[in-house]
Amino acid sequence: MTTGVQVLGGDFLQWLSMPHLIATFLVFCRVSGLFLVAPFFNHPSLPMQLRLWFALSTAVIFYLTLTVPQQVEQLQWVPMDMPHLLPYIFKELALGLLMGLVMKYVMDAFHIAGESLSQQMGLSMANALDPSSGVNAPILGNALTQYALVLFMVLGIHHWVLLSLHSSFELIPLHLMPAMGKMGILSERMILVSAGMFSTGIMLAAPVQALLFMVEVALGYISKLMPQMNVFMVAAPLKVMLGLWALMAFLPSMQTFMSEHYHDHIKVLRFLLKGLL
């Protein structure tokens, strides 16, 4: 114990008491909610048992480093039975899911860009299993999704996600429920974030799509000038070749753009829960 600030879990026997165990479980619910949908943390290549233990160890570490003893004191007044604890469990799961969705939308922007480019290049029929979602998707969308995941790890965004999750317990404590009148604000923020996913995907694909559009216009003029030429036989490989070349040329610009976009979403993640109490 220290004067002024009491670190939760400092006394092991006290931590084993029912209010502290309930508080640890609620922290685990918020952490596991984020791990269900956030990039990297929900990757199918990680075994379920490993993800479960990772979420549990992260929750225990978060609980031991939180300096909010008032949360446990307030939880002591909550009856320790399932009907009274269910609203708190649902609240923690929902907050974790919402925070994970904010980061997932960044990955989906790459997927949208890849699908739009696949249609423009004529590769929309070439599908493969997407390891991040477990469904069939265009090959180009899979490639850009994996590139986004690499950027996510290289830029250290997963560290910032965990720091934002840790700070969320200061914004929305365990013992307080968000005001029902503020749910409209949260819905509006999530709609804006989801709308940004589509605009970001279009911006990522815009340079390559502009080049492919000019190729379409040029082929249209050629078909008018030389009607005997089979433009369709030339257009298919030409669009694929130029599209892949342009995509590789613009990858460094994509990296710079998405680095800024990732950090913008970290700011959104930190301000998402403000003003809900």
C-alpha atoms as a PDB file:
ATOM      1  CA  MET A   1       0.000   0.000   0.000  1.00  0.00           C
ATOM      2  CA  THR A   2       1.141   3.527  -0.754  1.00  0.00           C
ATOM      3  CA  THR A   3      -0.305   6.740   0.562  1.00  0.00           C
ATOM      4  CA  GLY A   4      -2.639   8.568  -1.803  1.00  0.00           C
ATOM      5  CA  VAL A   5      -2.681   5.940  -4.565  1.00  0.00           C
ATOM      6  CA  GLN A   6      -3.486   2.301  -4.004  1.00  0.00           C
ATOM      7  CA  VAL A   7      -2.342  -0.103  -6.694  1.00  0.00           C
ATOM      8  CA  LEU A   8      -4.964  -2.763  -7.256  1.00  0.00           C
ATOM      9  CA  GLY A   9      -3.709  -6.262  -6.603  1.00  0.00           C
ATOM     10  CA  GLY A  10      -0.854  -5.126  -4.376  1.00  0.00           C
ATOM     11  CA  ASP A  11      -1.983  -7.528  -1.675  1.00  0.00           C
ATOM     12  CA  PHE A  12      -2.404 -11.029  -3.125  1.00  0.00           C
ATOM     13  CA  LEU A  13      -4.838 -12.196  -0.447  1.00  0.00           C
ATOM     14  CA  GLN A  14      -6.934  -9.080  -0.944  1.00  0.00           C
ATOM     15  CA  TRP A  15      -6.907  -9.695  -4.691  1.00  0.00           C
ATOM     16  CA  LEU A  16      -8.424 -13.138  -4.108  1.00  0.00           C
ATOM     17  CA  SER A  17     -11.489 -11.570  -2.489  1.00  0.00           C
ATOM     18  CA  MET A  18     -14.720 -11.661  -4.494  1.00  0.00           C
ATOM     19  CA  PRO A  19     -14.896  -7.935  -5.482  1.00  0.00           C
ATOM     20  CA  HIS A  20     -11.345  -8.050  -6.844  1.00  0.00           C
ATOM     21  CA  LEU A  21     -11.980 -11.269  -8.750  1.00  0.00           C
ATOM     22  CA  ILE A  22     -15.152  -9.796 -10.250  1.00  0.00           C
ATOM     23  CA  ALA A  23     -13.254  -6.666 -11.246  1.00  0.00           C
ATOM     24  CA  THR A  24     -10.518  -8.787 -12.873  1.00  0.00           C
ATOM     25  CA  PHE A  25     -13.182 -10.708 -14.794  1.00  0.00           C
ATOM     26  CA  LEU A  26     -14.735  -7.468 -16.033  1.00  0.00           C
ATOM     27  CA  VAL A  27     -11.325  -6.277 -17.226  1.00  0.00           C
ATOM     28  CA  PHE A  28     -10.931  -9.614 -19.017  1.00  0.00           C
ATOM     29  CA  CYS A  29     -14.310  -9.101 -20.730  1.00  0.00           C
ATOM     30  CA  ARG A  30     -13.236  -5.752 -22.193  1.00  0.00           C
ATOM     31  CA  VAL A  31      -9.851  -7.105 -23.270  1.00  0.00           C
ATOM     32  CA  SER A  32     -11.352 -10.222 -24.865  1.00  0.00           C
ATOM     33  CA  GLY A  33     -13.939  -8.083 -26.680  1.00  0.00           C
ATOM     34  CA  LEU A  34     -11.152  -6.133 -28.361  1.00  0.00           C
ATOM     35  CA  PHE A  35      -9.172  -9.304 -29.107  1.00  0.00           C
ATOM     36  CA  LEU A  36     -12.183 -10.781 -30.913  1.00  0.00           C
ATOM     37  CA  VAL A  37     -12.145  -8.241 -33.762  1.00  0.00           C
ATOM     38  CA  ALA A  38      -8.923  -6.177 -33.599  1.00  0.00           C
ATOM     39  CA  PRO A  39      -6.284  -6.886 -36.284  1.00  0.00           C
ATOM     40  CA  PHE A  40      -3.457  -9.273 -35.381  1.00  0.00           C
ATOM     41  CA  PHE A  41      -5.089 -10.209 -32.065  1.00  0.00           C
ATOM     42  CA  ASN A  42      -7.887 -12.116 -33.844  1.00  0.00           C
ATOM     43  CA  HIS A  43      -5.755 -13.720 -36.550  1.00  0.00           C
ATOM     44  CA  PRO A  44      -6.953 -17.286 -37.269  1.00  0.00           C
ATOM     45  CA  SER A  45      -3.376 -18.609 -37.326  1.00  0.00           C
ATOM     46  CA  LEU A  46      -3.192 -18.044 -33.547  1.00  0.00           C
ATOM     47  CA  PRO A  47      -4.734 -21.004 -31.701  1.00  0.00           C
ATOM     48  CA  MET A  48      -7.817 -20.208 -29.672  1.00  0.00           C
ATOM     49  CA  GLN A  49      -6.181 -21.425 -26.452  1.00  0.00           C
ATOM     50  CA  LEU A  50      -3.207 -19.118 -27.036  1.00  0.00           C
ATOM     51  CA  ARG A  51      -5.473 -16.133 -27.675  1.00  0.00           C
ATOM     52  CA  LEU A  52      -7.467 -16.937 -24.541  1.00  0.00           C
ATOM     53  CA  TRP A  53      -4.391 -17.092 -22.335  1.00  0.00           C
ATOM     54  CA  PHE A  54      -2.987 -13.961 -23.953  1.00  0.00           C
ATOM     55  CA  ALA A  55      -6.227 -12.094 -23.207  1.00  0.00           C
ATOM     56  CA  LEU A  56      -6.281 -13.412 -19.623  1.00  0.00           C
ATOM     57  CA  SER A  57      -2.662 -12.463 -18.940  1.00  0.00           C
ATOM     58  CA  THR A  58      -3.222  -9.012 -20.477  1.00  0.00           C
ATOM     59  CA  ALA A  59      -6.295  -8.516 -18.268  1.00  0.00           C
ATOM     60  CA  VAL A  60      -4.362  -9.473 -15.126  1.00  0.00           C
ATOM     61  CA  ILE A  61      -1.500  -7.122 -16.051  1.00  0.00           C
ATOM     62  CA  PHE A  62      -3.973  -4.307 -16.742  1.00  0.00           C
ATOM     63  CA  TYR A  63      -5.717  -4.923 -13.426  1.00  0.00           C
ATOM     64  CA  LEU A  64      -2.468  -4.901 -11.463  1.00  0.00           C
ATOM     65  CA  THR A  65      -1.379  -1.604 -13.051  1.00  0.00           C
ATOM     66  CA  LEU A  66      -4.668   0.270 -12.724  1.00  0.00           C
ATOM     67  CA  THR A  67      -4.652   2.921  -9.984  1.00  0.00           C
ATOM     68  CA  VAL A  68      -8.413   3.174  -9.508  1.00  0.00           C
ATOM     69  CA  PRO A  69      -9.311   1.590  -6.145  1.00  0.00           C
ATOM     70  CA  GLN A  70     -12.658   3.410  -6.176  1.00  0.00           C
ATOM     71  CA  GLN A  71     -13.848   1.014  -8.893  1.00  0.00           C
ATOM     72  CA  VAL A  72     -13.500  -2.000  -6.601  1.00  0.00           C
ATOM     73  CA  GLU A  73     -15.035  -0.104  -3.703  1.00  0.00           C
ATOM     74  CA  GLN A  74     -18.086   0.697  -5.818  1.00  0.00           C
ATOM     75  CA  LEU A  75     -18.325  -2.872  -7.116  1.00  0.00           C
ATOM     76  CA  GLN A  76     -18.686  -4.072  -3.523  1.00  0.00           C
ATOM     77  CA  TRP A  77     -22.195  -2.592  -3.547  1.00  0.00           C
ATOM     78  CA  VAL A  78     -23.206  -4.656  -6.578  1.00  0.00           C
ATOM     79  CA  PRO A  79     -24.833  -8.013  -5.644  1.00  0.00           C
ATOM     80  CA  MET A  80     -22.482 -10.785  -6.716  1.00  0.00           C
ATOM     81  CA  ASP A  81     -25.036 -12.755  -8.727  1.00  0.00           C
ATOM     82  CA  MET A  82     -25.474 -13.212 -12.468  1.00  0.00           C
ATOM     83  CA  PRO A  83     -28.625 -11.064 -13.008  1.00  0.00           C
ATOM     84  CA  HIS A  84     -26.925  -8.000 -11.477  1.00  0.00           C
ATOM     85  CA  LEU A  85     -23.534  -8.642 -13.134  1.00  0.00           C
ATOM     86  CA  LEU A  86     -24.848  -9.289 -16.657  1.00  0.00           C
ATOM     87  CA  PRO A  87     -25.252  -5.578 -17.567  1.00  0.00           C
ATOM     88  CA  TYR A  88     -21.647  -4.910 -16.510  1.00  0.00           C
ATOM     89  CA  ILE A  89     -20.401  -7.916 -18.500  1.00  0.00           C
ATOM     90  CA  PHE A  90     -22.285  -6.827 -21.622  1.00  0.00           C
ATOM     91  CA  LYS A  91     -20.993  -3.289 -21.205  1.00  0.00           C
ATOM     92  CA  GLU A  92     -17.360  -4.421 -21.054  1.00  0.00           C
ATOM     93  CA  LEU A  93     -17.728  -6.749 -24.026  1.00  0.00           C
ATOM     94  CA  ALA A  94     -19.435  -4.029 -26.072  1.00  0.00           C
ATOM     95  CA  LEU A  95     -16.728  -1.463 -25.282  1.00  0.00           C
ATOM     96  CA  GLY A  96     -13.988  -3.905 -26.265  1.00  0.00           C
ATOM     97  CA  LEU A  97     -15.773  -4.812 -29.499  1.00  0.00           C
ATOM     98  CA  LEU A  98     -16.268  -1.161 -30.435  1.00  0.00           C
ATOM     99  CA  MET A  99     -12.593  -0.373 -29.866  1.00  0.00           C
ATOM    100  CA  GLY A 100     -11.567  -3.396 -31.914  1.00  0.00           C
ATOM    101  CA  LEU A 101     -13.882  -2.409 -34.763  1.00  0.00           C
ATOM    102  CA  VAL A 102     -12.207   1.007 -35.025  1.00  0.00           C
ATOM    103  CA  MET A 103      -8.897  -0.678 -35.870  1.00  0.00           C
ATOM    104  CA  LYS A 104     -10.509  -3.373 -38.025  1.00  0.00           C
ATOM    105  CA  TYR A 105     -11.967  -0.688 -40.282  1.00  0.00           C
ATOM    106  CA  VAL A 106      -8.418   0.314 -41.266  1.00  0.00           C
ATOM    107  CA  MET A 107      -7.712  -3.206 -42.493  1.00  0.00           C
ATOM    108  CA  ASP A 108     -11.043  -3.287 -44.307  1.00  0.00           C
ATOM    109  CA  ALA A 109     -10.034  -0.137 -46.187  1.00  0.00           C
ATOM    110  CA  PHE A 110      -7.169  -2.083 -47.791  1.00  0.00           C
ATOM    111  CA  HIS A 111      -9.572  -4.902 -48.612  1.00  0.00           C
ATOM    112  CA  ILE A 112     -11.988  -2.482 -50.305  1.00  0.00           C
ATOM    113  CA  ALA A 113      -9.120  -0.985 -52.306  1.00  0.00           C
ATOM    114  CA  GLY A 114      -8.016  -4.452 -53.425  1.00  0.00           C
ATOM    115  CA  GLU A 115     -11.529  -5.484 -54.467  1.00  0.00           C
ATOM    116  CA  SER A 116     -12.075  -2.316 -56.497  1.00  0.00           C
ATOM    117  CA  LEU A 117      -8.723  -2.758 -58.246  1.00  0.00           C
ATOM    118  CA  SER A 118      -9.490  -6.426 -58.919  1.00  0.00           C
ATOM    119  CA  GLN A 119     -12.700  -5.460 -60.695  1.00  0.00           C
ATOM    120  CA  GLN A 120     -10.927  -2.754 -62.686  1.00  0.00           C
ATOM    121  CA  MET A 121      -8.116  -5.121 -63.711  1.00  0.00           C
ATOM    122  CA  GLY A 122     -10.400  -8.051 -64.504  1.00  0.00           C
ATOM    123  CA  LEU A 123      -9.195 -10.207 -61.602  1.00  0.00           C
ATOM    124  CA  SER A 124     -12.440 -10.253 -59.652  1.00  0.00           C
ATOM    125  CA  MET A 125     -13.065 -13.896 -60.598  1.00  0.00           C
ATOM    126  CA  ALA A 126      -9.670 -15.026 -59.271  1.00  0.00           C
ATOM    127  CA  ASN A 127     -10.490 -15.717 -55.629  1.00  0.00           C
ATOM    128  CA  ALA A 128      -8.480 -17.316 -52.857  1.00  0.00           C
ATOM    129  CA  LEU A 129      -8.964 -18.017 -49.159  1.00  0.00           C
ATOM    130  CA  ASP A 130      -8.351 -14.909 -47.077  1.00  0.00           C
ATOM    131  CA  PRO A 131      -6.459 -16.093 -43.955  1.00  0.00           C
ATOM    132  CA  SER A 132      -7.549 -13.089 -41.910  1.00  0.00           C
ATOM    133  CA  SER A 133     -11.291 -13.601 -42.434  1.00  0.00           C
ATOM    134  CA  GLY A 134     -11.563 -17.244 -43.530  1.00  0.00           C
ATOM    135  CA  VAL A 135     -13.657 -16.476 -46.632  1.00  0.00           C
ATOM    136  CA  ASN A 136     -12.893 -16.406 -50.347  1.00  0.00           C
ATOM    137  CA  ALA A 137     -11.860 -12.974 -51.602  1.00  0.00           C
ATOM    138  CA  PRO A 138     -10.042 -11.530 -54.652  1.00  0.00           C
ATOM    139  CA  ILE A 139      -6.333 -12.277 -54.678  1.00  0.00           C
ATOM    140  CA  LEU A 140      -5.409  -8.606 -54.881  1.00  0.00           C
ATOM    141  CA  GLY A 141      -7.577  -7.845 -51.844  1.00  0.00           C
ATOM    142  CA  ASN A 142      -5.837 -10.634 -49.919  1.00  0.00           C
ATOM    143  CA  ALA A 143      -2.415  -9.290 -50.853  1.00  0.00           C
ATOM    144  CA  LEU A 144      -3.246  -5.753 -49.726  1.00  0.00           C
ATOM    145  CA  THR A 145      -4.823  -7.046 -46.496  1.00  0.00           C
ATOM    146  CA  GLN A 146      -1.634  -8.940 -45.645  1.00  0.00           C
ATOM    147  CA  TYR A 147       0.394  -5.833 -46.509  1.00  0.00           C
ATOM    148  CA  ALA A 148      -1.773  -3.812 -44.119  1.00  0.00           C
ATOM    149  CA  LEU A 149      -1.202  -6.398 -41.383  1.00  0.00           C
ATOM    150  CA  VAL A 150       2.565  -6.178 -41.899  1.00  0.00           C
ATOM    151  CA  LEU A 151       2.364  -2.385 -41.629  1.00  0.00           C
ATOM    152  CA  PHE A 152       0.252  -2.790 -38.493  1.00  0.00           C
ATOM    153  CA  MET A 153       3.056  -4.765 -36.839  1.00  0.00           C
ATOM    154  CA  VAL A 154       6.044  -2.877 -38.257  1.00  0.00           C
ATOM    155  CA  LEU A 155       4.674   0.509 -37.169  1.00  0.00           C
ATOM    156  CA  GLY A 156       3.992  -0.823 -33.664  1.00  0.00           C
ATOM    157  CA  ILE A 157       0.285   0.000 -33.830  1.00  0.00           C
ATOM    158  CA  HIS A 158      -0.542  -3.046 -31.685  1.00  0.00           C
ATOM    159  CA  HIS A 159       1.326  -1.401 -28.802  1.00  0.00           C
ATOM    160  CA  TRP A 160      -0.726   1.773 -29.178  1.00  0.00           C
ATOM    161  CA  VAL A 161      -3.936  -0.272 -29.276  1.00  0.00           C
ATOM    162  CA  LEU A 162      -3.066  -1.893 -25.950  1.00  0.00           C
ATOM    163  CA  LEU A 163      -2.167   1.487 -24.430  1.00  0.00           C
ATOM    164  CA  SER A 164      -5.476   2.931 -25.610  1.00  0.00           C
ATOM    165  CA  LEU A 165      -7.322  -0.049 -24.145  1.00  0.00           C
ATOM    166  CA  HIS A 166      -5.537   0.476 -20.841  1.00  0.00           C
ATOM    167  CA  SER A 167      -6.457   4.159 -20.735  1.00  0.00           C
ATOM    168  CA  SER A 168     -10.104   3.328 -21.516  1.00  0.00           C
ATOM    169  CA  PHE A 169     -10.529   2.059 -17.949  1.00  0.00           C
ATOM    170  CA  GLU A 170      -9.909   5.619 -16.749  1.00  0.00           C
ATOM    171  CA  LEU A 171     -12.514   7.031 -19.159  1.00  0.00           C
ATOM    172  CA  ILE A 172     -15.190   4.377 -18.524  1.00  0.00           C
ATOM    173  CA  PRO A 173     -14.583   2.789 -15.097  1.00  0.00           C
ATOM    174  CA  LEU A 174     -15.747  -0.703 -14.320  1.00  0.00           C
ATOM    175  CA  HIS A 175     -18.472   0.339 -11.904  1.00  0.00           C
ATOM    176  CA  LEU A 176     -20.106   3.022 -14.094  1.00  0.00           C
ATOM    177  CA  MET A 177     -22.544   2.455 -16.929  1.00  0.00           C
ATOM    178  CA  PRO A 178     -22.529   4.848 -19.931  1.00  0.00           C
ATOM    179  CA  ALA A 179     -25.498   7.203 -19.986  1.00  0.00           C
ATOM    180  CA  MET A 180     -28.243   5.964 -22.293  1.00  0.00           C
ATOM    181  CA  GLY A 181     -28.718   9.483 -23.614  1.00  0.00           C
ATOM    182  CA  LYS A 182     -25.113   9.473 -24.874  1.00  0.00           C
ATOM    183  CA  MET A 183     -25.494   6.318 -26.969  1.00  0.00           C
ATOM    184  CA  GLY A 184     -26.447   8.487 -29.944  1.00  0.00           C
ATOM    185  CA  ILE A 185     -23.054  10.205 -29.731  1.00  0.00           C
ATOM    186  CA  LEU A 186     -21.281   6.846 -29.731  1.00  0.00           C
ATOM    187  CA  SER A 187     -23.346   5.625 -32.702  1.00  0.00           C
ATOM    188  CA  GLU A 188     -22.581   8.813 -34.617  1.00  0.00           C
ATOM    189  CA  ARG A 189     -18.849   8.397 -33.995  1.00  0.00           C
ATOM    190  CA  MET A 190     -18.896   4.788 -35.155  1.00  0.00           C
ATOM    191  CA  ILE A 191     -20.834   5.727 -38.315  1.00  0.00           C
ATOM    192  CA  LEU A 192     -18.235   8.379 -39.131  1.00  0.00           C
ATOM    193  CA  VAL A 193     -15.421   5.871 -38.607  1.00  0.00           C
ATOM    194  CA  SER A 194     -17.120   3.268 -40.817  1.00  0.00           C
ATOM    195  CA  ALA A 195     -17.748   5.893 -43.503  1.00  0.00           C
ATOM    196  CA  GLY A 196     -14.056   6.759 -43.398  1.00  0.00           C
ATOM    197  CA  MET A 197     -13.289   3.107 -44.199  1.00  0.00           C
ATOM    198  CA  PHE A 198     -14.885   3.421 -47.663  1.00  0.00           C
ATOM    199  CA  SER A 199     -13.346   6.815 -48.396  1.00  0.00           C
ATOM    200  CA  THR A 200      -9.905   5.552 -47.363  1.00  0.00           C
ATOM    201  CA  GLY A 201     -10.238   2.481 -49.579  1.00  0.00           C
ATOM    202  CA  ILE A 202     -11.195   4.638 -52.559  1.00  0.00           C
ATOM    203  CA  MET A 203      -8.274   6.992 -51.910  1.00  0.00           C
ATOM    204  CA  LEU A 204      -5.845   4.061 -51.746  1.00  0.00           C
ATOM    205  CA  ALA A 205      -7.031   2.700 -55.073  1.00  0.00           C
ATOM    206  CA  ALA A 206      -7.488   6.075 -56.799  1.00  0.00           C
ATOM    207  CA  PRO A 207      -4.004   6.438 -58.424  1.00  0.00           C
ATOM    208  CA  VAL A 208      -4.076   2.953 -59.946  1.00  0.00           C
ATOM    209  CA  GLN A 209      -7.708   3.327 -60.994  1.00  0.00           C
ATOM    210  CA  ALA A 210      -6.895   6.630 -62.710  1.00  0.00           C
ATOM    211  CA  LEU A 211      -4.164   4.908 -64.734  1.00  0.00           C
ATOM    212  CA  LEU A 212      -6.459   2.017 -65.639  1.00  0.00           C
ATOM    213  CA  PHE A 213      -9.171   4.463 -66.683  1.00  0.00           C
ATOM    214  CA  MET A 214      -6.753   6.173 -69.070  1.00  0.00           C
ATOM    215  CA  VAL A 215      -5.863   2.747 -70.466  1.00  0.00           C
ATOM    216  CA  GLU A 216      -9.566   2.069 -71.069  1.00  0.00           C
ATOM    217  CA  VAL A 217      -9.944   5.392 -72.881  1.00  0.00           C
ATOM    218  CA  ALA A 218      -6.854   4.714 -75.004  1.00  0.00           C
ATOM    219  CA  LEU A 219      -8.103   1.258 -75.941  1.00  0.00           C
ATOM    220  CA  GLY A 220     -11.460   2.766 -76.887  1.00  0.00           C
ATOM    221  CA  TYR A 221      -9.753   5.166 -79.313  1.00  0.00           C
ATOM    222  CA  ILE A 222      -7.647   2.324 -80.728  1.00  0.00           C
ATOM    223  CA  SER A 223     -10.752   0.201 -81.332  1.00  0.00           C
ATOM    224  CA  LYS A 224     -12.271   3.081 -83.309  1.00  0.00           C
ATOM    225  CA  LEU A 225      -9.112   3.695 -85.314  1.00  0.00           C
ATOM    226  CA  MET A 226      -8.442   0.006 -86.025  1.00  0.00           C
ATOM    227  CA  PRO A 227     -11.730  -1.915 -85.990  1.00  0.00           C
ATOM    228  CA  GLN A 228      -9.987  -5.044 -87.241  1.00  0.00           C
ATOM    229  CA  MET A 229      -7.874  -5.216 -84.061  1.00  0.00           C
ATOM    230  CA  ASN A 230      -9.154  -7.514 -81.284  1.00  0.00           C
ATOM    231  CA  VAL A 231      -8.950  -4.992 -78.434  1.00  0.00           C
ATOM    232  CA  PHE A 232     -10.356  -7.376 -75.850  1.00  0.00           C
ATOM    233  CA  MET A 233      -7.456  -9.794 -76.302  1.00  0.00           C
ATOM    234  CA  VAL A 234      -5.007  -6.943 -75.765  1.00  0.00           C
ATOM    235  CA  ALA A 235      -6.870  -5.202 -72.948  1.00  0.00           C
ATOM    236  CA  ALA A 236      -6.944  -8.098 -70.461  1.00  0.00           C
ATOM    237  CA  PRO A 237      -3.176  -8.721 -70.088  1.00  0.00           C
ATOM    238  CA  LEU A 238      -2.365  -5.039 -70.575  1.00  0.00           C
ATOM    239  CA  LYS A 239      -4.585  -3.903 -67.689  1.00  0.00           C
ATOM    240  CA  VAL A 240      -3.206  -6.604 -65.408  1.00  0.00           C
ATOM    241  CA  MET A 241       0.408  -5.737 -66.253  1.00  0.00           C
ATOM    242  CA  LEU A 242      -0.004  -1.962 -65.927  1.00  0.00           C
ATOM    243  CA  GLY A 243      -2.191  -2.307 -62.828  1.00  0.00           C
ATOM    244  CA  LEU A 244       0.356  -4.443 -60.979  1.00  0.00           C
ATOM    245  CA  TRP A 245       3.188  -2.160 -62.061  1.00  0.00           C
ATOM    246  CA  ALA A 246       1.325   0.926 -60.841  1.00  0.00           C
ATOM    247  CA  LEU A 247       0.392  -0.807 -57.571  1.00  0.00           C
ATOM    248  CA  MET A 248       4.027  -1.651 -56.833  1.00  0.00           C
ATOM    249  CA  ALA A 249       5.057   1.885 -57.742  1.00  0.00           C
ATOM    250  CA  PHE A 250       2.519   3.406 -55.352  1.00  0.00           C
ATOM    251  CA  LEU A 251       3.193   1.033 -52.414  1.00  0.00           C
ATOM    252  CA  PRO A 252       5.658   3.457 -50.716  1.00  0.00           C
ATOM    253  CA  SER A 253       3.059   6.223 -50.951  1.00  0.00           C
ATOM    254  CA  MET A 254       0.464   3.846 -49.521  1.00  0.00           C
ATOM    255  CA  GLN A 255       2.777   3.101 -46.616  1.00  0.00           C
ATOM    256  CA  THR A 256       3.146   6.802 -45.777  1.00  0.00           C
ATOM    257  CA  PHE A 257      -0.577   7.420 -46.163  1.00  0.00           C
ATOM    258  CA  MET A 258      -1.576   4.442 -44.027  1.00  0.00           C
ATOM    259  CA  SER A 259       0.984   5.278 -41.350  1.00  0.00           C
ATOM    260  CA  GLU A 260      -0.783   8.592 -40.840  1.00  0.00           C
ATOM    261  CA  HIS A 261      -4.165   6.892 -41.075  1.00  0.00           C
ATOM    262  CA  TYR A 262      -3.251   4.318 -38.425  1.00  0.00           C
ATOM    263  CA  HIS A 263      -2.208   7.038 -36.013  1.00  0.00           C
ATOM    264  CA  ASP A 264      -5.405   8.972 -36.754  1.00  0.00           C
ATOM    265  CA  HIS A 265      -7.403   5.900 -35.779  1.00  0.00           C
ATOM    266  CA  ILE A 266      -5.395   5.598 -32.561  1.00  0.00           C
ATOM    267  CA  LYS A 267      -6.522   9.142 -31.738  1.00  0.00           C
ATOM    268  CA  VAL A 268     -10.102   8.149 -32.570  1.00  0.00           C
ATOM    269  CA  LEU A 269      -9.668   5.111 -30.335  1.00  0.00           C
ATOM    270  CA  ARG A 270      -8.643   7.294 -27.425  1.00  0.00           C
ATOM    271  CA  PHE A 271     -11.420   9.842 -27.876  1.00  0.00           C
ATOM    272  CA  LEU A 272     -14.137   7.329 -28.734  1.00  0.00           C
ATOM    273  CA  LEU A 273     -15.302   6.841 -25.144  1.00  0.00           C
ATOM    274  CA  LYS A 274     -14.945  10.429 -23.951  1.00  0.00           C
ATOM    275  CA  GLY A 275     -18.106  12.167 -22.838  1.00  0.00           C
ATOM    276  CA  LEU A 276     -20.224   9.002 -22.501  1.00  0.00           C
ATOM    277  CA  LEU A 277     -20.729   9.284 -18.730  1.00  0.00           C
END
